[in-house]
Each structure stands twice: as C-alpha cells, then as structure tokens.
Amino acid sequence: MASPVQEKYHDSNPVVRALLGRFFERIGAAVRESSPAVILDAGCGEGELVRRGVLPADMRVISLDLRPESLAWFRDHSNQRRLVCGSLTSLPLPDQSVDTALCLEVLEHLDRPLVALQELSRVARKRIILSVPYEPWFRIANVFRGKHLQRWGDHPEHVQHWNIRTFRAFLEPALGRVRLLNAFPWIIAIYDRG
C-alpha cells in the first residue's frame, strides 16, 4: 500500500522511477561512507528510507517527523519502532547524540531552514546529509509531468528554492565547507565534521 502523503515515491513513470532510484543510491552511498552506528532520519515522513532498505539494517535509526499521522502509517507498515514526533527547529535529542543526521526533501518546506540546520548540526557527531530540489529543474520536471501547472511547476508547499550556488551560499556560513552532488532533479549536500 502506497503512502498517502509521499505519492511521488510510488510514481509508475519509468523516468521518475529511474531518477528516484539514482537519488536513493547516492543517499545510501553517502550514509555507508560514514559508517554510522546511530542515524537520525529527520523529516522521515512515512519512512521511505527504512522501508526501501536505503539505511543499513545494522544501524540504529531514529525516525523523526512532525506529523503524527505519518509516523502512525510508518509504524503500521514497517518494523521501525524508534519513532519520534518532533520539530526540526527544536530536536528532542541531546547534543552530538547521533553519528549522522539525514534531512531529505524537508528544508524547502520550512520558513526558517537555518534554525533546522543549526539543530541538525547540534545533534550530529560526524556527518549531515541534506537534499533539496534543484531549481529551476525541479519545477521544469513538474511541468513536464503535468504537476502544479498553475504554479509553473512549483510545489505549493515549497517556500525555499535553491540551485547549486545558492544552496552552497546558504549552507557554508552555518556549517563550513560542504560537498554538493547533483542528483538531478535534487541537490545532495554532505557536511563532515573536521
């Protein structure tokens, strides 16, 4: 049964499926690279990363989302039981309590993404992995798919819009040097503590 909220992950279009597959492969590689024992999936939604097996089975995953209904769906459709209802702008975790903090497809929804970034930095010991839509390509792809045409492909819940240059300019003053990957139509950012 497909998630009622994250229908994009279950699109039958072969191009969309190929792009998602490549995206999840790159996320999985970035996670495995840091060999984390404990990972935070911040803004986990209905748990796509756990349910797809993107996150290694031998690690402890803390899945956090603001929406109780998403966590309830996740709980009912997986074996994951480390579910936390909470906000990215006030993470209910101690300082440096996770090895890696993941935050995928969330920052573009936030009015105050810098506060969330600071919270992720506070709880992550080793690595932060982020992703956002790569604009304007994400909107152009939506137009080709016939999505959000009244808004020229812009998702109605997206309040932040970044490209490679502007995402780096947003991240580096708060974190320091980041590595950016083009995972069209997304950008993946990886920050490692020195």
C-alpha atoms as a PDB file:
ATOM      1  CA  MET A   1       0.000   0.000   0.000  1.00  0.00           C
ATOM      2  CA  ALA A   2       1.473   3.347  -1.050  1.00  0.00           C
ATOM      3  CA  SER A   3       1.945   6.138   1.439  1.00  0.00           C
ATOM      4  CA  PRO A   4      -0.916   8.637   1.272  1.00  0.00           C
ATOM      5  CA  VAL A   5       1.435  11.617   1.619  1.00  0.00           C
ATOM      6  CA  GLN A   6       4.570  10.706  -0.328  1.00  0.00           C
ATOM      7  CA  GLU A   7       2.964   9.519  -3.539  1.00  0.00           C
ATOM      8  CA  LYS A   8       5.972  10.725  -5.551  1.00  0.00           C
ATOM      9  CA  TYR A   9       7.945   7.734  -4.293  1.00  0.00           C
ATOM     10  CA  HIS A  10       5.435   5.385  -5.895  1.00  0.00           C
ATOM     11  CA  ASP A  11       5.079   7.037  -9.318  1.00  0.00           C
ATOM     12  CA  SER A  12       4.781   4.498 -12.144  1.00  0.00           C
ATOM     13  CA  ASN A  13       6.544   6.752 -14.684  1.00  0.00           C
ATOM     14  CA  PRO A  14       9.797   4.937 -15.628  1.00  0.00           C
ATOM     15  CA  VAL A  15      11.788   8.188 -15.830  1.00  0.00           C
ATOM     16  CA  VAL A  16      10.649   9.262 -12.361  1.00  0.00           C
ATOM     17  CA  ARG A  17      11.429   5.777 -11.029  1.00  0.00           C
ATOM     18  CA  ALA A  18      14.935   5.877 -12.556  1.00  0.00           C
ATOM     19  CA  LEU A  19      15.649   9.326 -11.088  1.00  0.00           C
ATOM     20  CA  LEU A  20      14.404   8.221  -7.663  1.00  0.00           C
ATOM     21  CA  GLY A  21      16.486   5.052  -7.856  1.00  0.00           C
ATOM     22  CA  ARG A  22      19.631   7.048  -8.590  1.00  0.00           C
ATOM     23  CA  PHE A  23      18.782   9.516  -5.808  1.00  0.00           C
ATOM     24  CA  PHE A  24      18.359   6.730  -3.230  1.00  0.00           C
ATOM     25  CA  GLU A  25      21.573   5.029  -4.414  1.00  0.00           C
ATOM     26  CA  ARG A  26      23.524   8.248  -3.813  1.00  0.00           C
ATOM     27  CA  ILE A  27      21.938   8.752  -0.398  1.00  0.00           C
ATOM     28  CA  GLY A  28      22.733   5.157   0.562  1.00  0.00           C
ATOM     29  CA  ALA A  29      26.355   5.553  -0.555  1.00  0.00           C
ATOM     30  CA  ALA A  30      26.714   8.798   1.444  1.00  0.00           C
ATOM     31  CA  VAL A  31      25.358   7.059   4.545  1.00  0.00           C
ATOM     32  CA  ARG A  32      27.573   3.967   4.181  1.00  0.00           C
ATOM     33  CA  GLU A  33      30.644   6.165   3.596  1.00  0.00           C
ATOM     34  CA  SER A  34      30.424   7.490   7.163  1.00  0.00           C
ATOM     35  CA  SER A  35      29.777   4.077   8.799  1.00  0.00           C
ATOM     36  CA  PRO A  36      27.314   5.436  11.360  1.00  0.00           C
ATOM     37  CA  ALA A  37      26.052   3.364  14.273  1.00  0.00           C
ATOM     38  CA  VAL A  38      23.222   5.810  15.039  1.00  0.00           C
ATOM     39  CA  ILE A  39      21.450   7.864  12.405  1.00  0.00           C
ATOM     40  CA  LEU A  40      18.682  10.439  12.610  1.00  0.00           C
ATOM     41  CA  ASP A  41      16.227  10.497   9.704  1.00  0.00           C
ATOM     42  CA  ALA A  42      14.825  13.982  10.352  1.00  0.00           C
ATOM     43  CA  GLY A  43      11.616  14.617   8.478  1.00  0.00           C
ATOM     44  CA  CYS A  44      11.244  10.895   7.771  1.00  0.00           C
ATOM     45  CA  GLY A  45       7.639  11.153   6.601  1.00  0.00           C
ATOM     46  CA  GLU A  46       6.318   7.641   6.120  1.00  0.00           C
ATOM     47  CA  GLY A  47       9.792   6.098   6.363  1.00  0.00           C
ATOM     48  CA  GLU A  48      10.738   5.663   2.744  1.00  0.00           C
ATOM     49  CA  LEU A  49      14.467   5.263   3.526  1.00  0.00           C
ATOM     50  CA  VAL A  50      13.917   2.493   6.059  1.00  0.00           C
ATOM     51  CA  ARG A  51      11.229   0.701   4.063  1.00  0.00           C
ATOM     52  CA  ARG A  52      13.364   0.753   0.869  1.00  0.00           C
ATOM     53  CA  GLY A  53      16.411  -0.534   2.721  1.00  0.00           C
ATOM     54  CA  VAL A  54      18.470   2.587   1.896  1.00  0.00           C
ATOM     55  CA  LEU A  55      19.630   2.708   5.524  1.00  0.00           C
ATOM     56  CA  PRO A  56      21.758  -0.305   6.538  1.00  0.00           C
ATOM     57  CA  ALA A  57      19.947  -2.826   8.745  1.00  0.00           C
ATOM     58  CA  ASP A  58      22.808  -2.943  11.272  1.00  0.00           C
ATOM     59  CA  MET A  59      22.443   0.678  12.333  1.00  0.00           C
ATOM     60  CA  ARG A  60      20.150   2.241  14.873  1.00  0.00           C
ATOM     61  CA  VAL A  61      17.778   4.629  13.079  1.00  0.00           C
ATOM     62  CA  ILE A  62      15.810   7.324  14.882  1.00  0.00           C
ATOM     63  CA  SER A  63      12.933   8.400  12.630  1.00  0.00           C
ATOM     64  CA  LEU A  64      11.574  11.866  13.386  1.00  0.00           C
ATOM     65  CA  ASP A  65       8.650  13.677  11.818  1.00  0.00           C
ATOM     66  CA  LEU A  66       6.318  16.497  12.817  1.00  0.00           C
ATOM     67  CA  ARG A  67       3.155  14.728  11.597  1.00  0.00           C
ATOM     68  CA  PRO A  68       1.803  12.008  13.923  1.00  0.00           C
ATOM     69  CA  GLU A  69      -0.266  10.556  11.065  1.00  0.00           C
ATOM     70  CA  SER A  70       2.887   9.961   9.003  1.00  0.00           C
ATOM     71  CA  LEU A  71       4.571   8.216  11.924  1.00  0.00           C
ATOM     72  CA  ALA A  72       1.458   6.102  12.541  1.00  0.00           C
ATOM     73  CA  TRP A  73       1.446   4.996   8.890  1.00  0.00           C
ATOM     74  CA  PHE A  74       5.186   4.250   9.095  1.00  0.00           C
ATOM     75  CA  ARG A  75       4.720   2.193  12.282  1.00  0.00           C
ATOM     76  CA  ASP A  76       1.861   0.226  10.703  1.00  0.00           C
ATOM     77  CA  HIS A  77       3.876  -0.573   7.541  1.00  0.00           C
ATOM     78  CA  SER A  78       7.328  -1.393   8.939  1.00  0.00           C
ATOM     79  CA  ASN A  79       9.209  -2.882  11.858  1.00  0.00           C
ATOM     80  CA  GLN A  80      10.649   0.511  12.825  1.00  0.00           C
ATOM     81  CA  ARG A  81       9.787   1.406  16.428  1.00  0.00           C
ATOM     82  CA  ARG A  82      12.213   4.279  17.129  1.00  0.00           C
ATOM     83  CA  LEU A  83       9.713   6.897  16.012  1.00  0.00           C
ATOM     84  CA  VAL A  84       9.821  10.414  17.433  1.00  0.00           C
ATOM     85  CA  CYS A  85       7.228  13.107  16.862  1.00  0.00           C
ATOM     86  CA  GLY A  86       9.071  16.412  16.921  1.00  0.00           C
ATOM     87  CA  SER A  87      10.115  19.555  15.107  1.00  0.00           C
ATOM     88  CA  LEU A  88      13.332  20.123  13.184  1.00  0.00           C
ATOM     89  CA  THR A  89      13.562  23.560  14.743  1.00  0.00           C
ATOM     90  CA  SER A  90      13.752  22.049  18.244  1.00  0.00           C
ATOM     91  CA  LEU A  91      15.063  18.499  18.006  1.00  0.00           C
ATOM     92  CA  PRO A  92      14.252  16.465  21.137  1.00  0.00           C
ATOM     93  CA  LEU A  93      17.749  14.909  21.194  1.00  0.00           C
ATOM     94  CA  PRO A  94      20.918  15.664  23.177  1.00  0.00           C
ATOM     95  CA  ASP A  95      23.933  17.379  21.614  1.00  0.00           C
ATOM     96  CA  GLN A  96      26.032  15.098  19.371  1.00  0.00           C
ATOM     97  CA  SER A  97      23.735  12.144  20.063  1.00  0.00           C
ATOM     98  CA  VAL A  98      23.741  10.713  16.507  1.00  0.00           C
ATOM     99  CA  ASP A  99      26.595   9.896  14.164  1.00  0.00           C
ATOM    100  CA  THR A 100      24.812  11.066  11.021  1.00  0.00           C
ATOM    101  CA  ALA A 101      21.787  13.329  10.609  1.00  0.00           C
ATOM    102  CA  LEU A 102      19.788  12.973   7.407  1.00  0.00           C
ATOM    103  CA  CYS A 103      17.281  15.592   6.292  1.00  0.00           C
ATOM    104  CA  LEU A 104      15.918  14.888   2.830  1.00  0.00           C
ATOM    105  CA  GLU A 105      13.325  16.909   0.963  1.00  0.00           C
ATOM    106  CA  VAL A 106      12.411  18.970   4.034  1.00  0.00           C
ATOM    107  CA  LEU A 107      14.312  22.288   4.172  1.00  0.00           C
ATOM    108  CA  GLU A 108      12.418  23.686   1.174  1.00  0.00           C
ATOM    109  CA  HIS A 109       9.198  23.429   3.234  1.00  0.00           C
ATOM    110  CA  LEU A 110      10.478  25.488   6.175  1.00  0.00           C
ATOM    111  CA  ASP A 111      10.065  29.197   6.806  1.00  0.00           C
ATOM    112  CA  ARG A 112      13.207  29.097   8.973  1.00  0.00           C
ATOM    113  CA  PRO A 113      15.524  26.494   7.434  1.00  0.00           C
ATOM    114  CA  LEU A 114      18.602  27.965   9.145  1.00  0.00           C
ATOM    115  CA  VAL A 115      17.189  27.070  12.579  1.00  0.00           C
ATOM    116  CA  ALA A 116      16.681  23.475  11.417  1.00  0.00           C
ATOM    117  CA  LEU A 117      20.217  23.391  10.007  1.00  0.00           C
ATOM    118  CA  GLN A 118      21.620  24.592  13.338  1.00  0.00           C
ATOM    119  CA  GLU A 119      19.658  21.898  15.180  1.00  0.00           C
ATOM    120  CA  LEU A 120      20.923  19.174  12.828  1.00  0.00           C
ATOM    121  CA  SER A 121      24.464  20.425  13.384  1.00  0.00           C
ATOM    122  CA  ARG A 122      23.923  20.360  17.143  1.00  0.00           C
ATOM    123  CA  VAL A 123      22.876  16.692  17.261  1.00  0.00           C
ATOM    124  CA  ALA A 124      25.234  15.251  14.584  1.00  0.00           C
ATOM    125  CA  ARG A 125      28.651  13.978  15.694  1.00  0.00           C
ATOM    126  CA  LYS A 126      30.125  13.117  12.275  1.00  0.00           C
ATOM    127  CA  ARG A 127      28.035  13.907   9.208  1.00  0.00           C
ATOM    128  CA  ILE A 128      24.985  15.763   7.945  1.00  0.00           C
ATOM    129  CA  ILE A 129      23.348  14.715   4.669  1.00  0.00           C
ATOM    130  CA  LEU A 130      20.751  17.049   3.166  1.00  0.00           C
ATOM    131  CA  SER A 131      18.773  17.172  -0.040  1.00  0.00           C
ATOM    132  CA  VAL A 132      16.592  19.797  -1.669  1.00  0.00           C
ATOM    133  CA  PRO A 133      15.004  20.210  -5.098  1.00  0.00           C
ATOM    134  CA  TYR A 134      17.444  21.564  -7.693  1.00  0.00           C
ATOM    135  CA  GLU A 135      15.721  24.662  -9.058  1.00  0.00           C
ATOM    136  CA  PRO A 136      14.591  25.575 -11.639  1.00  0.00           C
ATOM    137  CA  TRP A 137      14.985  21.990 -12.927  1.00  0.00           C
ATOM    138  CA  PHE A 138      12.645  20.525 -10.330  1.00  0.00           C
ATOM    139  CA  ARG A 139       9.845  22.880 -11.392  1.00  0.00           C
ATOM    140  CA  ILE A 140      10.528  22.244 -15.085  1.00  0.00           C
ATOM    141  CA  ALA A 141      10.312  18.495 -14.456  1.00  0.00           C
ATOM    142  CA  ASN A 142       6.984  19.023 -12.687  1.00  0.00           C
ATOM    143  CA  VAL A 143       5.638  20.910 -15.687  1.00  0.00           C
ATOM    144  CA  PHE A 144       6.646  18.024 -17.977  1.00  0.00           C
ATOM    145  CA  ARG A 145       4.862  15.631 -15.619  1.00  0.00           C
ATOM    146  CA  GLY A 146       1.780  17.863 -15.613  1.00  0.00           C
ATOM    147  CA  LYS A 147       2.119  18.701 -11.895  1.00  0.00           C
ATOM    148  CA  HIS A 148       1.356  22.093 -10.303  1.00  0.00           C
ATOM    149  CA  LEU A 149       0.803  23.754 -13.674  1.00  0.00           C
ATOM    150  CA  GLN A 150      -0.992  26.766 -12.175  1.00  0.00           C
ATOM    151  CA  ARG A 151       2.227  27.494 -10.242  1.00  0.00           C
ATOM    152  CA  TRP A 152       4.576  26.819 -13.177  1.00  0.00           C
ATOM    153  CA  GLY A 153       5.646  23.529 -11.587  1.00  0.00           C
ATOM    154  CA  ASP A 154       6.341  24.976  -8.134  1.00  0.00           C
ATOM    155  CA  HIS A 155       5.035  22.699  -5.397  1.00  0.00           C
ATOM    156  CA  PRO A 156       2.569  24.682  -3.250  1.00  0.00           C
ATOM    157  CA  GLU A 157       4.374  23.696  -0.019  1.00  0.00           C
ATOM    158  CA  HIS A 158       7.842  24.820  -1.170  1.00  0.00           C
ATOM    159  CA  VAL A 159       8.777  28.145   0.385  1.00  0.00           C
ATOM    160  CA  GLN A 160      12.544  27.910  -0.256  1.00  0.00           C
ATOM    161  CA  HIS A 161      14.152  27.461  -3.679  1.00  0.00           C
ATOM    162  CA  TRP A 162      17.829  26.677  -4.247  1.00  0.00           C
ATOM    163  CA  ASN A 163      20.262  25.858  -7.008  1.00  0.00           C
ATOM    164  CA  ILE A 164      23.837  24.607  -6.522  1.00  0.00           C
ATOM    165  CA  ARG A 165      25.280  28.095  -5.974  1.00  0.00           C
ATOM    166  CA  THR A 166      22.546  29.400  -3.655  1.00  0.00           C
ATOM    167  CA  PHE A 167      22.376  26.183  -1.615  1.00  0.00           C
ATOM    168  CA  ARG A 168      26.139  26.335  -1.003  1.00  0.00           C
ATOM    169  CA  ALA A 169      25.777  30.027  -0.045  1.00  0.00           C
ATOM    170  CA  PHE A 170      23.051  29.059   2.448  1.00  0.00           C
ATOM    171  CA  LEU A 171      24.923  26.112   3.997  1.00  0.00           C
ATOM    172  CA  GLU A 172      28.559  27.156   4.259  1.00  0.00           C
ATOM    173  CA  PRO A 173      28.214  30.164   6.606  1.00  0.00           C
ATOM    174  CA  ALA A 174      26.447  27.890   9.108  1.00  0.00           C
ATOM    175  CA  LEU A 175      28.403  24.660   8.633  1.00  0.00           C
ATOM    176  CA  GLY A 176      31.660  25.298   6.831  1.00  0.00           C
ATOM    177  CA  ARG A 177      32.797  23.505   3.677  1.00  0.00           C
ATOM    178  CA  VAL A 178      30.200  21.160   2.166  1.00  0.00           C
ATOM    179  CA  ARG A 179      30.345  18.698  -0.720  1.00  0.00           C
ATOM    180  CA  LEU A 180      27.454  19.087  -3.166  1.00  0.00           C
ATOM    181  CA  LEU A 181      26.264  16.344  -5.501  1.00  0.00           C
ATOM    182  CA  ASN A 182      23.986  16.873  -8.471  1.00  0.00           C
ATOM    183  CA  ALA A 183      21.327  14.172  -8.221  1.00  0.00           C
ATOM    184  CA  PHE A 184      19.052  15.761 -10.816  1.00  0.00           C
ATOM    185  CA  PRO A 185      16.431  16.985 -10.056  1.00  0.00           C
ATOM    186  CA  TRP A 186      17.777  17.186  -6.499  1.00  0.00           C
ATOM    187  CA  ILE A 187      20.897  18.527  -4.828  1.00  0.00           C
ATOM    188  CA  ILE A 188      22.552  16.418  -2.127  1.00  0.00           C
ATOM    189  CA  ALA A 189      24.808  18.169   0.385  1.00  0.00           C
ATOM    190  CA  ILE A 190      27.268  16.343   2.621  1.00  0.00           C
ATOM    191  CA  TYR A 191      28.941  18.016   5.580  1.00  0.00           C
ATOM    192  CA  ASP A 192      31.628  16.220   7.600  1.00  0.00           C
ATOM    193  CA  ARG A 193      32.913  17.486  10.908  1.00  0.00           C
ATOM    194  CA  GLY A 194      36.642  18.094  10.676  1.00  0.00           C
END
